[in-house]
Amino acid sequence: MKVTSREMLLGWMTGLVILVALSVWICAPKIGNWKDMREQGETIKKRIVMAEHLVAQREQWNKRLADIAQKLSKYPPDDDVTADYLKILENVVRENGVTLSQRRPQKEKKQKDIYQMAIDCTWEADLGSLVRFLFELEKQKVTLDIDDLNISLVAGGKGRLKGNFALICIYTRSGTPSAVEKNEATPGPRKK
């Protein structure tokens, strides 16, 4: 039996088509994986650059941490701090014309060497009083933060607002070393 050139050409073309189909079938998932790995590499490079930038700013961050640590109140390990923070809240409320209809202190939570306690409040005030109240809270010599501030209009009350917020009180206990003290005890990176 003699193979014609036409049959030879068809055989080669069929073999080539099968080879290309097998290559695509085997390599297509690998190409997707390669693209994903390349994207992950780019993400990692960006994270490395950001981390190096933060490490270069270590002194600035330590200074900010020290400033915040000075503002943190220290209490004995077993003291209840609720009364102190409620007193601060009442003074600021009274001075700025905000009406608190409810104050619900929550349980103290510990996060490493920092303690926090939330006071859930329901309030009513006009816009100017609310702004002064928030500004005055920021000026206090203790660390306070407002979380989940909700504002809505009082029905029928011209210019009156109402809502609720959580006042987060942050402090340390005297038996617990502060983050700054731990940070100062940890040596920094060696310079070459």
N, C-alpha and C. Protein backbone atom coordinates (compact mmCIF):
# COMPACT_ATOMS: atom_id res chain seq x y z
N MET A 1 0.84 -1.16 0.00
CA MET A 1 0.00 0.00 0.00
C MET A 1 0.89 1.23 0.00
N LYS A 2 0.55 2.12 -0.86
CA LYS A 2 1.33 3.32 -1.04
C LYS A 2 0.57 4.51 -0.45
N VAL A 3 1.27 5.34 0.36
CA VAL A 3 0.65 6.53 0.97
C VAL A 3 0.90 7.70 0.05
N THR A 4 -0.18 8.36 -0.32
CA THR A 4 -0.06 9.51 -1.21
C THR A 4 0.36 10.73 -0.40
N SER A 5 0.84 11.71 -1.13
CA SER A 5 1.27 12.94 -0.46
C SER A 5 0.09 13.65 0.20
N ARG A 6 -1.06 13.51 -0.38
CA ARG A 6 -2.25 14.13 0.21
C ARG A 6 -2.58 13.47 1.55
N GLU A 7 -2.54 12.14 1.60
CA GLU A 7 -2.80 11.42 2.85
C GLU A 7 -1.73 11.74 3.90
N MET A 8 -0.48 11.88 3.44
CA MET A 8 0.61 12.23 4.34
C MET A 8 0.36 13.62 4.95
N LEU A 9 -0.05 14.56 4.12
CA LEU A 9 -0.33 15.93 4.58
C LEU A 9 -1.50 15.92 5.57
N LEU A 10 -2.57 15.19 5.28
CA LEU A 10 -3.71 15.09 6.20
C LEU A 10 -3.29 14.44 7.52
N GLY A 11 -2.45 13.46 7.48
CA GLY A 11 -1.95 12.82 8.70
C GLY A 11 -1.14 13.79 9.55
N TRP A 12 -0.25 14.53 8.91
CA TRP A 12 0.54 15.53 9.64
C TRP A 12 -0.36 16.61 10.23
N MET A 13 -1.33 17.09 9.49
CA MET A 13 -2.24 18.14 9.98
C MET A 13 -3.08 17.62 11.14
N THR A 14 -3.55 16.36 11.07
CA THR A 14 -4.32 15.77 12.17
C THR A 14 -3.44 15.66 13.41
N GLY A 15 -2.24 15.20 13.22
CA GLY A 15 -1.30 15.11 14.35
C GLY A 15 -1.02 16.47 14.97
N LEU A 16 -0.85 17.48 14.12
CA LEU A 16 -0.60 18.84 14.61
C LEU A 16 -1.80 19.37 15.38
N VAL A 17 -3.02 19.14 14.89
CA VAL A 17 -4.25 19.58 15.59
C VAL A 17 -4.35 18.89 16.95
N ILE A 18 -4.07 17.57 16.98
CA ILE A 18 -4.11 16.85 18.25
C ILE A 18 -3.06 17.39 19.21
N LEU A 19 -1.87 17.68 18.73
CA LEU A 19 -0.80 18.22 19.56
C LEU A 19 -1.17 19.59 20.13
N VAL A 20 -1.76 20.46 19.30
CA VAL A 20 -2.19 21.79 19.76
C VAL A 20 -3.31 21.66 20.78
N ALA A 21 -4.28 20.77 20.53
CA ALA A 21 -5.40 20.57 21.47
C ALA A 21 -4.89 20.05 22.81
N LEU A 22 -3.97 19.10 22.80
CA LEU A 22 -3.40 18.61 24.06
C LEU A 22 -2.63 19.70 24.79
N SER A 23 -1.88 20.51 24.06
CA SER A 23 -1.11 21.60 24.68
C SER A 23 -2.03 22.60 25.36
N VAL A 24 -3.11 22.98 24.66
CA VAL A 24 -4.07 23.93 25.24
C VAL A 24 -4.75 23.32 26.45
N TRP A 25 -5.13 22.03 26.34
CA TRP A 25 -5.82 21.37 27.44
C TRP A 25 -4.93 21.26 28.68
N ILE A 26 -3.66 21.01 28.49
CA ILE A 26 -2.73 20.87 29.61
C ILE A 26 -2.25 22.23 30.11
N CYS A 27 -1.98 23.18 29.23
CA CYS A 27 -1.35 24.44 29.61
C CYS A 27 -2.32 25.53 30.05
N ALA A 28 -3.59 25.47 29.63
CA ALA A 28 -4.54 26.55 29.96
C ALA A 28 -4.66 26.77 31.48
N PRO A 29 -4.85 25.73 32.29
CA PRO A 29 -4.91 25.97 33.74
C PRO A 29 -3.60 26.52 34.30
N LYS A 30 -2.49 26.08 33.73
CA LYS A 30 -1.18 26.56 34.20
C LYS A 30 -1.02 28.04 33.92
N ILE A 31 -1.54 28.51 32.79
CA ILE A 31 -1.44 29.94 32.45
C ILE A 31 -2.26 30.76 33.44
N GLY A 32 -3.45 30.27 33.80
CA GLY A 32 -4.27 30.96 34.81
C GLY A 32 -3.55 31.02 36.15
N ASN A 33 -2.93 29.90 36.54
CA ASN A 33 -2.18 29.87 37.79
C ASN A 33 -0.99 30.82 37.74
N TRP A 34 -0.33 30.88 36.61
CA TRP A 34 0.81 31.77 36.46
C TRP A 34 0.38 33.23 36.59
N LYS A 35 -0.76 33.58 36.00
CA LYS A 35 -1.27 34.96 36.12
C LYS A 35 -1.61 35.27 37.57
N ASP A 36 -2.25 34.33 38.27
CA ASP A 36 -2.58 34.54 39.68
C ASP A 36 -1.31 34.72 40.51
N MET A 37 -0.29 33.91 40.25
CA MET A 37 0.96 34.03 41.00
C MET A 37 1.62 35.38 40.73
N ARG A 38 1.55 35.85 39.50
CA ARG A 38 2.13 37.14 39.16
C ARG A 38 1.40 38.28 39.89
N GLU A 39 0.06 38.20 39.95
CA GLU A 39 -0.71 39.20 40.68
C GLU A 39 -0.39 39.16 42.17
N GLN A 40 -0.26 37.96 42.74
CA GLN A 40 0.10 37.84 44.15
C GLN A 40 1.49 38.42 44.40
N GLY A 41 2.41 38.20 43.46
CA GLY A 41 3.75 38.77 43.59
C GLY A 41 3.71 40.29 43.62
N GLU A 42 2.87 40.88 42.76
CA GLU A 42 2.74 42.34 42.74
C GLU A 42 2.14 42.85 44.05
N THR A 43 1.14 42.14 44.58
CA THR A 43 0.54 42.53 45.85
C THR A 43 1.57 42.45 46.98
N ILE A 44 2.36 41.41 46.98
CA ILE A 44 3.39 41.24 48.02
C ILE A 44 4.44 42.35 47.91
N LYS A 45 4.82 42.71 46.69
CA LYS A 45 5.78 43.80 46.51
C LYS A 45 5.22 45.11 47.07
N LYS A 46 3.93 45.38 46.83
CA LYS A 46 3.32 46.60 47.37
C LYS A 46 3.29 46.57 48.89
N ARG A 47 2.99 45.41 49.48
CA ARG A 47 2.97 45.29 50.93
C ARG A 47 4.36 45.50 51.51
N ILE A 48 5.37 44.99 50.84
CA ILE A 48 6.75 45.16 51.31
C ILE A 48 7.12 46.64 51.30
N VAL A 49 6.76 47.34 50.23
CA VAL A 49 7.07 48.77 50.15
C VAL A 49 6.36 49.52 51.27
N MET A 50 5.08 49.18 51.52
CA MET A 50 4.32 49.84 52.59
C MET A 50 4.94 49.54 53.95
N ALA A 51 5.34 48.28 54.18
CA ALA A 51 5.95 47.91 55.45
C ALA A 51 7.28 48.64 55.66
N GLU A 52 8.08 48.75 54.61
CA GLU A 52 9.33 49.48 54.73
C GLU A 52 9.08 50.95 55.04
N HIS A 53 8.05 51.51 54.45
CA HIS A 53 7.69 52.91 54.71
C HIS A 53 7.28 53.09 56.18
N LEU A 54 6.49 52.15 56.70
CA LEU A 54 6.07 52.23 58.11
C LEU A 54 7.26 52.05 59.05
N VAL A 55 8.17 51.15 58.71
CA VAL A 55 9.35 50.94 59.55
C VAL A 55 10.21 52.21 59.56
N ALA A 56 10.28 52.88 58.42
CA ALA A 56 11.06 54.12 58.35
C ALA A 56 10.44 55.21 59.23
N GLN A 57 9.14 55.12 59.46
CA GLN A 57 8.44 56.11 60.29
C GLN A 57 8.31 55.66 61.74
N ARG A 58 9.09 54.72 62.17
CA ARG A 58 8.97 54.16 63.51
C ARG A 58 9.06 55.23 64.61
N GLU A 59 10.00 56.14 64.49
CA GLU A 59 10.16 57.18 65.52
C GLU A 59 8.91 58.05 65.64
N GLN A 60 8.33 58.40 64.50
CA GLN A 60 7.10 59.20 64.53
C GLN A 60 5.97 58.43 65.21
N TRP A 61 5.86 57.13 64.90
CA TRP A 61 4.80 56.33 65.52
C TRP A 61 5.04 56.16 67.01
N ASN A 62 6.30 55.99 67.42
CA ASN A 62 6.60 55.88 68.85
C ASN A 62 6.25 57.17 69.58
N LYS A 63 6.51 58.31 68.95
CA LYS A 63 6.16 59.60 69.57
C LYS A 63 4.65 59.73 69.71
N ARG A 64 3.91 59.36 68.68
CA ARG A 64 2.44 59.43 68.75
C ARG A 64 1.92 58.48 69.82
N LEU A 65 2.51 57.29 69.92
CA LEU A 65 2.11 56.33 70.93
C LEU A 65 2.39 56.87 72.33
N ALA A 66 3.53 57.52 72.51
CA ALA A 66 3.87 58.11 73.81
C ALA A 66 2.89 59.23 74.16
N ASP A 67 2.51 60.05 73.18
CA ASP A 67 1.55 61.12 73.42
C ASP A 67 0.20 60.55 73.86
N ILE A 68 -0.23 59.50 73.19
CA ILE A 68 -1.51 58.88 73.56
C ILE A 68 -1.41 58.21 74.92
N ALA A 69 -0.28 57.57 75.20
CA ALA A 69 -0.10 56.89 76.49
C ALA A 69 -0.13 57.88 77.65
N GLN A 70 0.36 59.11 77.43
CA GLN A 70 0.30 60.12 78.49
C GLN A 70 -1.14 60.50 78.79
N LYS A 71 -1.99 60.43 77.79
CA LYS A 71 -3.38 60.81 77.96
C LYS A 71 -4.20 59.70 78.63
N LEU A 72 -3.69 58.45 78.59
CA LEU A 72 -4.42 57.34 79.19
C LEU A 72 -4.41 57.46 80.71
N SER A 73 -5.56 57.35 81.30
CA SER A 73 -5.66 57.35 82.76
C SER A 73 -5.26 55.98 83.28
N LYS A 74 -4.64 55.99 84.45
CA LYS A 74 -4.25 54.73 85.09
C LYS A 74 -5.09 54.55 86.35
N TYR A 75 -5.66 53.37 86.49
CA TYR A 75 -6.49 53.05 87.64
C TYR A 75 -5.93 51.82 88.33
N PRO A 76 -6.15 51.69 89.64
CA PRO A 76 -5.75 50.46 90.34
C PRO A 76 -6.49 49.26 89.74
N PRO A 77 -5.92 48.08 89.89
CA PRO A 77 -6.49 46.89 89.22
C PRO A 77 -7.96 46.60 89.53
N ASP A 78 -8.42 46.88 90.76
CA ASP A 78 -9.78 46.49 91.12
C ASP A 78 -10.76 47.66 91.20
N ASP A 79 -10.36 48.88 90.84
CA ASP A 79 -11.26 50.03 90.92
C ASP A 79 -12.30 50.00 89.81
N ASP A 80 -13.51 50.46 90.15
CA ASP A 80 -14.57 50.61 89.16
C ASP A 80 -14.44 52.02 88.57
N VAL A 81 -14.25 52.11 87.27
CA VAL A 81 -14.01 53.40 86.62
C VAL A 81 -15.29 54.03 86.10
N THR A 82 -16.40 53.34 86.20
CA THR A 82 -17.66 53.82 85.62
C THR A 82 -18.04 55.18 86.16
N ALA A 83 -17.95 55.37 87.46
CA ALA A 83 -18.36 56.64 88.06
C ALA A 83 -17.52 57.81 87.56
N ASP A 84 -16.21 57.60 87.41
CA ASP A 84 -15.34 58.67 86.92
C ASP A 84 -15.72 59.11 85.52
N TYR A 85 -15.93 58.15 84.65
CA TYR A 85 -16.25 58.50 83.26
C TYR A 85 -17.67 59.05 83.12
N LEU A 86 -18.60 58.57 83.94
CA LEU A 86 -19.95 59.14 83.91
C LEU A 86 -19.92 60.59 84.39
N LYS A 87 -19.07 60.89 85.38
CA LYS A 87 -18.94 62.25 85.89
C LYS A 87 -18.37 63.17 84.79
N ILE A 88 -17.36 62.72 84.08
CA ILE A 88 -16.79 63.51 82.99
C ILE A 88 -17.85 63.75 81.92
N LEU A 89 -18.58 62.70 81.57
CA LEU A 89 -19.64 62.82 80.56
C LEU A 89 -20.71 63.81 81.00
N GLU A 90 -21.14 63.73 82.24
CA GLU A 90 -22.18 64.64 82.74
C GLU A 90 -21.70 66.09 82.73
N ASN A 91 -20.46 66.33 83.10
CA ASN A 91 -19.93 67.70 83.07
C ASN A 91 -19.93 68.27 81.66
N VAL A 92 -19.48 67.49 80.69
CA VAL A 92 -19.42 67.96 79.31
C VAL A 92 -20.82 68.16 78.76
N VAL A 93 -21.74 67.28 79.10
CA VAL A 93 -23.14 67.40 78.65
C VAL A 93 -23.76 68.67 79.21
N ARG A 94 -23.58 68.90 80.49
CA ARG A 94 -24.17 70.07 81.15
C ARG A 94 -23.63 71.38 80.56
N GLU A 95 -22.34 71.43 80.29
CA GLU A 95 -21.72 72.66 79.77
C GLU A 95 -22.14 72.98 78.34
N ASN A 96 -22.60 72.00 77.58
CA ASN A 96 -22.85 72.23 76.16
C ASN A 96 -24.30 72.09 75.73
N GLY A 97 -25.22 71.95 76.65
CA GLY A 97 -26.64 71.97 76.31
C GLY A 97 -27.15 70.72 75.60
N VAL A 98 -26.52 69.60 75.83
CA VAL A 98 -27.00 68.33 75.27
C VAL A 98 -27.78 67.62 76.36
N THR A 99 -28.91 67.02 75.98
CA THR A 99 -29.73 66.29 76.93
C THR A 99 -29.52 64.79 76.71
N LEU A 100 -29.09 64.10 77.76
CA LEU A 100 -28.94 62.65 77.69
C LEU A 100 -30.15 62.01 78.38
N SER A 101 -30.91 61.24 77.63
CA SER A 101 -32.07 60.58 78.23
C SER A 101 -31.71 59.21 78.79
N GLN A 102 -30.67 58.58 78.25
CA GLN A 102 -30.23 57.29 78.78
C GLN A 102 -28.72 57.20 78.75
N ARG A 103 -28.17 56.56 79.79
CA ARG A 103 -26.74 56.26 79.87
C ARG A 103 -26.64 54.82 80.36
N ARG A 104 -26.08 53.96 79.54
CA ARG A 104 -25.96 52.55 79.91
C ARG A 104 -24.50 52.12 79.81
N PRO A 105 -23.80 52.11 80.95
CA PRO A 105 -22.41 51.64 80.92
C PRO A 105 -22.37 50.13 80.64
N GLN A 106 -21.42 49.74 79.81
CA GLN A 106 -21.24 48.33 79.48
C GLN A 106 -20.10 47.76 80.35
N LYS A 107 -19.89 46.48 80.24
CA LYS A 107 -18.81 45.85 81.01
C LYS A 107 -17.45 46.23 80.42
N GLU A 108 -16.48 46.26 81.28
CA GLU A 108 -15.11 46.56 80.87
C GLU A 108 -14.55 45.42 80.02
N LYS A 109 -13.82 45.80 78.97
CA LYS A 109 -13.18 44.80 78.09
C LYS A 109 -11.69 45.04 78.11
N LYS A 110 -10.94 43.97 78.13
CA LYS A 110 -9.48 44.07 78.13
C LYS A 110 -8.97 43.64 76.76
N GLN A 111 -8.10 44.48 76.20
CA GLN A 111 -7.43 44.15 74.95
C GLN A 111 -5.94 44.34 75.18
N LYS A 112 -5.26 43.23 75.39
CA LYS A 112 -3.85 43.23 75.76
C LYS A 112 -3.67 44.01 77.06
N ASP A 113 -2.95 45.15 77.05
CA ASP A 113 -2.73 45.88 78.29
C ASP A 113 -3.59 47.14 78.37
N ILE A 114 -4.54 47.28 77.46
CA ILE A 114 -5.44 48.43 77.43
C ILE A 114 -6.85 47.95 77.78
N TYR A 115 -7.55 48.75 78.56
CA TYR A 115 -8.92 48.45 78.95
C TYR A 115 -9.85 49.46 78.28
N GLN A 116 -11.05 49.00 77.98
CA GLN A 116 -12.04 49.93 77.44
C GLN A 116 -13.40 49.61 78.00
N MET A 117 -14.19 50.65 78.13
CA MET A 117 -15.55 50.52 78.62
C MET A 117 -16.42 51.42 77.75
N ALA A 118 -17.53 50.90 77.30
CA ALA A 118 -18.45 51.69 76.47
C ALA A 118 -19.61 52.16 77.32
N ILE A 119 -20.06 53.39 77.05
CA ILE A 119 -21.26 53.92 77.67
C ILE A 119 -22.22 54.24 76.53
N ASP A 120 -23.31 53.48 76.42
CA ASP A 120 -24.30 53.73 75.38
C ASP A 120 -25.22 54.86 75.84
N CYS A 121 -25.36 55.88 75.00
CA CYS A 121 -26.13 57.07 75.37
C CYS A 121 -27.18 57.38 74.31
N THR A 122 -28.33 57.86 74.76
CA THR A 122 -29.37 58.40 73.89
C THR A 122 -29.44 59.88 74.19
N TRP A 123 -29.40 60.73 73.16
CA TRP A 123 -29.24 62.17 73.36
C TRP A 123 -30.24 62.95 72.52
N GLU A 124 -30.34 64.25 72.87
CA GLU A 124 -31.13 65.21 72.09
C GLU A 124 -30.46 66.57 72.24
N ALA A 125 -30.33 67.30 71.12
CA ALA A 125 -29.67 68.62 71.14
C ALA A 125 -29.89 69.30 69.79
N ASP A 126 -29.49 70.58 69.73
CA ASP A 126 -29.46 71.23 68.42
C ASP A 126 -28.06 71.01 67.83
N LEU A 127 -27.87 71.36 66.57
CA LEU A 127 -26.61 71.07 65.89
C LEU A 127 -25.42 71.76 66.55
N GLY A 128 -25.57 73.02 66.91
CA GLY A 128 -24.47 73.76 67.55
C GLY A 128 -24.04 73.12 68.87
N SER A 129 -25.01 72.74 69.68
CA SER A 129 -24.70 72.10 70.96
C SER A 129 -24.00 70.76 70.76
N LEU A 130 -24.46 70.02 69.77
CA LEU A 130 -23.84 68.72 69.49
C LEU A 130 -22.39 68.89 69.06
N VAL A 131 -22.12 69.85 68.19
CA VAL A 131 -20.75 70.08 67.72
C VAL A 131 -19.86 70.50 68.89
N ARG A 132 -20.34 71.42 69.73
CA ARG A 132 -19.55 71.85 70.90
C ARG A 132 -19.30 70.68 71.85
N PHE A 133 -20.33 69.85 72.04
CA PHE A 133 -20.21 68.67 72.90
C PHE A 133 -19.11 67.74 72.39
N LEU A 134 -19.14 67.43 71.11
CA LEU A 134 -18.13 66.53 70.53
C LEU A 134 -16.73 67.14 70.61
N PHE A 135 -16.62 68.45 70.37
CA PHE A 135 -15.34 69.12 70.45
C PHE A 135 -14.82 69.11 71.89
N GLU A 136 -15.70 69.34 72.84
CA GLU A 136 -15.30 69.36 74.25
C GLU A 136 -14.86 67.97 74.73
N LEU A 137 -15.52 66.93 74.23
CA LEU A 137 -15.10 65.56 74.58
C LEU A 137 -13.67 65.31 74.11
N GLU A 138 -13.35 65.82 72.92
CA GLU A 138 -12.01 65.63 72.35
C GLU A 138 -10.95 66.34 73.21
N LYS A 139 -11.30 67.43 73.84
CA LYS A 139 -10.34 68.22 74.62
C LYS A 139 -10.09 67.65 76.01
N GLN A 140 -10.86 66.68 76.46
CA GLN A 140 -10.71 66.14 77.81
C GLN A 140 -9.33 65.51 77.97
N LYS A 141 -8.84 65.47 79.19
CA LYS A 141 -7.51 64.95 79.48
C LYS A 141 -7.51 63.42 79.62
N VAL A 142 -8.58 62.79 79.25
CA VAL A 142 -8.67 61.33 79.23
C VAL A 142 -8.94 60.90 77.79
N THR A 143 -8.75 59.64 77.53
CA THR A 143 -8.94 59.14 76.17
C THR A 143 -10.38 58.67 76.00
N LEU A 144 -11.13 59.41 75.20
CA LEU A 144 -12.53 59.10 74.91
C LEU A 144 -12.70 59.07 73.40
N ASP A 145 -13.61 58.23 72.96
CA ASP A 145 -13.88 58.14 71.53
C ASP A 145 -15.37 57.90 71.35
N ILE A 146 -15.94 58.51 70.32
CA ILE A 146 -17.35 58.31 70.00
C ILE A 146 -17.44 57.23 68.93
N ASP A 147 -18.30 56.26 69.16
CA ASP A 147 -18.49 55.17 68.21
C ASP A 147 -19.98 55.09 67.87
N ASP A 148 -20.29 54.80 66.63
CA ASP A 148 -21.67 54.62 66.17
C ASP A 148 -22.57 55.82 66.52
N LEU A 149 -22.20 56.99 66.05
CA LEU A 149 -23.02 58.19 66.27
C LEU A 149 -24.14 58.19 65.25
N ASN A 150 -25.38 58.09 65.74
CA ASN A 150 -26.57 58.13 64.88
C ASN A 150 -27.31 59.43 65.13
N ILE A 151 -27.73 60.09 64.05
CA ILE A 151 -28.40 61.39 64.15
C ILE A 151 -29.67 61.35 63.32
N SER A 152 -30.75 61.87 63.89
CA SER A 152 -32.00 62.03 63.14
C SER A 152 -32.71 63.28 63.66
N LEU A 153 -33.66 63.77 62.88
CA LEU A 153 -34.42 64.95 63.27
C LEU A 153 -35.51 64.58 64.26
N VAL A 154 -35.76 65.46 65.22
CA VAL A 154 -36.86 65.27 66.16
C VAL A 154 -38.14 65.66 65.43
N ALA A 155 -39.14 64.83 65.49
CA ALA A 155 -40.41 65.12 64.82
C ALA A 155 -41.05 66.36 65.44
N GLY A 156 -41.29 67.36 64.62
CA GLY A 156 -41.95 68.59 65.08
C GLY A 156 -41.03 69.55 65.82
N GLY A 157 -39.82 69.18 66.08
CA GLY A 157 -38.88 70.06 66.78
C GLY A 157 -37.99 70.76 65.78
N LYS A 158 -38.19 72.03 65.59
CA LYS A 158 -37.45 72.77 64.58
C LYS A 158 -35.97 72.85 64.96
N GLY A 159 -35.14 72.24 64.14
CA GLY A 159 -33.70 72.30 64.36
C GLY A 159 -33.19 71.39 65.46
N ARG A 160 -34.06 70.59 66.06
CA ARG A 160 -33.62 69.68 67.11
C ARG A 160 -33.23 68.34 66.51
N LEU A 161 -32.19 67.78 67.05
CA LEU A 161 -31.69 66.49 66.60
C LEU A 161 -31.74 65.50 67.75
N LYS A 162 -31.79 64.23 67.42
CA LYS A 162 -31.73 63.19 68.45
C LYS A 162 -30.95 62.02 67.88
N GLY A 163 -30.60 61.13 68.75
CA GLY A 163 -29.87 59.95 68.29
C GLY A 163 -29.24 59.22 69.44
N ASN A 164 -28.25 58.41 69.10
CA ASN A 164 -27.51 57.68 70.13
C ASN A 164 -26.06 57.53 69.70
N PHE A 165 -25.22 57.22 70.66
CA PHE A 165 -23.80 56.98 70.40
C PHE A 165 -23.25 56.11 71.50
N ALA A 166 -22.10 55.56 71.25
CA ALA A 166 -21.38 54.81 72.28
C ALA A 166 -20.11 55.60 72.59
N LEU A 167 -19.96 55.99 73.83
CA LEU A 167 -18.74 56.68 74.28
C LEU A 167 -17.77 55.60 74.75
N ILE A 168 -16.65 55.50 74.07
CA ILE A 168 -15.64 54.49 74.41
C ILE A 168 -14.60 55.14 75.31
N CYS A 169 -14.44 54.63 76.50
CA CYS A 169 -13.48 55.14 77.48
C CYS A 169 -12.30 54.17 77.51
N ILE A 170 -11.11 54.70 77.27
CA ILE A 170 -9.92 53.86 77.16
C ILE A 170 -8.95 54.24 78.28
N TYR A 171 -8.40 53.23 78.97
CA TYR A 171 -7.53 53.48 80.11
C TYR A 171 -6.66 52.26 80.36
N THR A 172 -5.74 52.38 81.31
CA THR A 172 -4.89 51.25 81.71
C THR A 172 -5.08 51.00 83.20
N ARG A 173 -4.56 49.91 83.63
CA ARG A 173 -4.55 49.57 85.07
C ARG A 173 -3.11 49.70 85.55
N SER A 174 -2.92 50.15 86.78
CA SER A 174 -1.58 50.45 87.29
C SER A 174 -0.69 49.21 87.37
N GLY A 175 -1.24 48.04 87.50
CA GLY A 175 -0.42 46.83 87.56
C GLY A 175 -0.03 46.31 86.19
N THR A 176 -0.50 46.96 85.14
CA THR A 176 -0.25 46.50 83.77
C THR A 176 0.73 47.43 83.10
N PRO A 177 1.83 46.92 82.53
CA PRO A 177 2.75 47.81 81.82
C PRO A 177 2.08 48.34 80.55
N SER A 178 2.33 49.61 80.25
CA SER A 178 1.72 50.20 79.06
C SER A 178 2.45 49.75 77.80
N ALA A 179 1.82 49.99 76.66
CA ALA A 179 2.43 49.62 75.37
C ALA A 179 3.71 50.39 75.14
N VAL A 180 3.76 51.65 75.63
CA VAL A 180 4.96 52.46 75.46
C VAL A 180 6.11 51.87 76.26
N GLU A 181 5.81 51.46 77.52
CA GLU A 181 6.87 50.87 78.34
C GLU A 181 7.39 49.59 77.70
N LYS A 182 6.51 48.78 77.15
CA LYS A 182 6.94 47.56 76.47
C LYS A 182 7.76 47.90 75.24
N ASN A 183 7.32 48.91 74.50
CA ASN A 183 8.00 49.30 73.27
C ASN A 183 9.39 49.85 73.57
N GLU A 184 9.52 50.62 74.64
CA GLU A 184 10.82 51.17 75.00
C GLU A 184 11.76 50.07 75.49
N ALA A 185 11.20 49.02 76.08
CA ALA A 185 12.05 47.92 76.57
C ALA A 185 12.53 47.04 75.42
N THR A 186 11.80 47.06 74.30
CA THR A 186 12.18 46.26 73.14
C THR A 186 13.18 47.04 72.31
N PRO A 187 14.36 46.48 72.08
CA PRO A 187 15.35 47.23 71.27
C PRO A 187 14.89 47.35 69.84
N GLY A 188 15.23 48.46 69.22
CA GLY A 188 14.88 48.71 67.83
C GLY A 188 15.82 47.99 66.88
N PRO A 189 15.60 48.13 65.58
CA PRO A 189 16.47 47.47 64.61
C PRO A 189 17.87 48.05 64.68
N ARG A 190 18.85 47.19 64.48
CA ARG A 190 20.24 47.65 64.53
C ARG A 190 20.58 48.39 63.27
N LYS A 191 21.31 49.46 63.43
CA LYS A 191 21.76 50.24 62.30
C LYS A 191 23.15 49.80 61.92
N LYS A 192 23.40 49.66 60.65
CA LYS A 192 24.70 49.21 60.17
C LYS A 192 25.60 50.37 59.89
